[in-house]
Each structure stands twice: as C-alpha cells, then as structure tokens.
Amino acid sequence: MRWPIWRAKVAERSMQPALDPGDMLLVRRTIWPGRALRVRAGQIVVARNPGRPEQLLVKRAAWPEGGGWWLSSDNPGAGAVDSKAFGPVPPGLIEGRVLLRYHRGRPVGS
C-alpha cells in the first residue's frame, strides 16, 4: 500500500496557460499499484512516458482510445511530448489525477 496523495512539480511550458513551470501540484493516485485510476476526459493527469517510463508527464486526458487514454498538451507549440508522439497511454502508466495547484510558479517571461 502507498500514500494516495503526493506532490508533483511542473517542469515545462506544455500545459500553459493552465499550469506554468514551477507550479506545485497535489496528485491523487490509487493506493494499490497496478490498479487503474478512474480518469475522465478533461482532467489533468500525471503519467509515465511510454517510451521513457522514468519520465513523468503532466498532461490533459483528452479521450479514451484503444484501451488507454489520449493525453494532450494545452500548449503544443511548446515542443510538448504527448500522445501525438507515442499514441494512447495504457491505464497502468497513468500515475495520478491532479487535484489542485497549491503553489503558483512564475510564468515564463515574468
């Protein structure tokens, strides 16, 4: 069993304007590893990059597709890595659902 709430920090601009680099997030995950988390379209999630599982991504769950989720960036022009690059993400790679931002980072250019 593991803690259901954990922290994540936004590292890139791919989710602007909703999230900026440096924003701190509280993330909800399942307490049992391997059990799929309930996700709805439009929610922001933290997922593992299918090609580089050590890399965590903060993305928007756009729609369910082929047994997984299509994850998109709010700011694709920022060089975002999302489902356009690797396709739908299996549910087991979605680590958590963002509950809230508890610290606002500085927007780029400020």
Protein backbone atom coordinates (compact mmCIF):
# COMPACT_ATOMS: atom_id res chain seq x y z
CA MET A 1 0.00 0.00 0.00
CA ARG A 2 1.19 3.54 -0.73
CA TRP A 3 0.08 7.08 0.08
CA PRO A 4 -2.84 8.18 -2.10
CA ILE A 5 -1.74 11.86 -2.22
CA TRP A 6 1.66 13.04 -3.45
CA ARG A 7 3.30 16.17 -4.84
CA ALA A 8 4.49 16.95 -8.35
CA LYS A 9 6.18 19.96 -9.87
CA VAL A 10 5.50 21.22 -13.39
CA ALA A 11 8.78 21.38 -15.30
CA GLU A 12 7.81 22.57 -18.78
CA ARG A 13 5.51 25.01 -20.61
CA SER A 14 3.39 22.34 -22.34
CA MET A 15 0.35 22.93 -20.10
CA GLN A 16 0.26 26.73 -20.29
CA PRO A 17 -1.92 28.68 -19.69
CA ALA A 18 -3.45 26.26 -17.15
CA LEU A 19 -0.11 25.40 -15.50
CA ASP A 20 3.25 27.14 -15.55
CA PRO A 21 6.76 25.77 -14.92
CA GLY A 22 7.35 25.71 -11.17
CA ASP A 23 3.69 25.15 -10.25
CA MET A 24 3.35 22.64 -7.42
CA LEU A 25 0.51 20.12 -7.65
CA LEU A 26 -1.25 17.69 -5.32
CA VAL A 27 -1.91 14.45 -7.16
CA ARG A 28 -4.33 11.63 -6.25
CA ARG A 29 -3.30 8.08 -7.08
CA THR A 30 -4.58 4.64 -6.22
CA ILE A 31 -3.19 3.11 -3.06
CA TRP A 32 -2.67 -0.23 -4.81
CA PRO A 33 -0.02 -0.26 -7.57
CA GLY A 34 -1.32 -1.71 -10.83
CA ARG A 35 -4.95 -0.82 -10.14
CA ALA A 36 -6.29 1.56 -12.78
CA LEU A 37 -7.22 5.05 -11.64
CA ARG A 38 -10.58 6.50 -12.67
CA VAL A 39 -9.97 9.23 -15.21
CA ARG A 40 -12.45 11.43 -17.07
CA ALA A 41 -11.89 13.39 -20.25
CA GLY A 42 -10.63 16.90 -19.49
CA GLN A 43 -8.85 16.02 -16.25
CA ILE A 44 -5.15 16.79 -15.84
CA VAL A 45 -3.12 13.69 -15.03
CA VAL A 46 0.45 12.67 -14.26
CA ALA A 47 1.57 9.77 -16.45
CA ARG A 48 4.72 7.91 -17.36
CA ASN A 49 6.10 8.46 -20.85
CA PRO A 50 5.59 5.09 -22.60
CA GLY A 51 8.95 5.41 -24.38
CA ARG A 52 10.82 6.59 -21.26
CA PRO A 53 9.00 5.24 -18.18
CA GLU A 54 11.35 7.09 -15.80
CA GLN A 55 9.93 10.40 -17.15
CA LEU A 56 6.71 11.73 -15.64
CA LEU A 57 4.45 13.95 -17.76
CA VAL A 58 1.66 16.34 -16.74
CA LYS A 59 -0.99 16.20 -19.47
CA ARG A 60 -4.71 16.52 -20.10
CA ALA A 61 -6.68 13.29 -20.58
CA ALA A 62 -8.40 14.12 -23.88
CA TRP A 63 -10.36 10.93 -24.64
CA PRO A 64 -10.23 7.15 -24.10
CA GLU A 65 -8.77 5.30 -27.06
CA GLY A 66 -7.85 1.68 -27.67
CA GLY A 67 -7.87 0.63 -24.02
CA GLY A 68 -5.83 3.66 -22.95
CA TRP A 69 -6.01 7.44 -22.84
CA TRP A 70 -5.06 10.02 -25.43
CA LEU A 71 -3.05 12.61 -23.50
CA SER A 72 -2.67 16.10 -24.90
CA SER A 73 -0.83 19.30 -24.11
CA ASP A 74 -2.64 22.61 -23.70
CA ASN A 75 0.30 24.34 -25.40
CA PRO A 76 1.51 22.02 -28.20
CA GLY A 77 3.68 24.80 -29.65
CA ALA A 78 6.00 24.50 -26.63
CA GLY A 79 7.59 21.36 -28.07
CA ALA A 80 5.34 19.15 -25.97
CA VAL A 81 5.73 15.40 -25.74
CA ASP A 82 2.25 13.87 -25.68
CA SER A 83 0.12 11.23 -27.41
CA LYS A 84 0.88 12.77 -30.81
CA ALA A 85 4.38 11.34 -30.29
CA PHE A 86 3.59 8.00 -28.62
CA GLY A 87 -0.13 7.26 -29.05
CA PRO A 88 -2.62 6.30 -26.34
CA VAL A 89 -1.21 5.70 -22.86
CA PRO A 90 -2.17 2.44 -21.12
CA PRO A 91 -4.09 2.98 -17.86
CA GLY A 92 -1.25 1.40 -15.87
CA LEU A 93 1.06 4.28 -16.86
CA ILE A 94 -1.29 6.95 -15.52
CA GLU A 95 0.13 7.60 -12.07
CA GLY A 96 -2.42 10.07 -10.77
CA ARG A 97 -5.04 12.74 -11.25
CA VAL A 98 -4.21 16.36 -10.38
CA LEU A 99 -6.39 17.60 -7.52
CA LEU A 100 -5.08 21.14 -7.17
CA ARG A 101 -2.23 23.55 -7.64
CA TYR A 102 -1.00 24.70 -4.22
CA HIS A 103 1.86 26.96 -5.29
CA ARG A 104 2.00 29.10 -8.39
CA GLY A 105 5.34 29.19 -10.23
CA ARG A 106 6.47 32.24 -12.16
CA PRO A 107 5.19 32.35 -15.75
CA VAL A 108 7.94 32.31 -18.36
CA GLY A 109 8.92 35.85 -19.29
CA SER A 110 7.95 37.34 -15.92
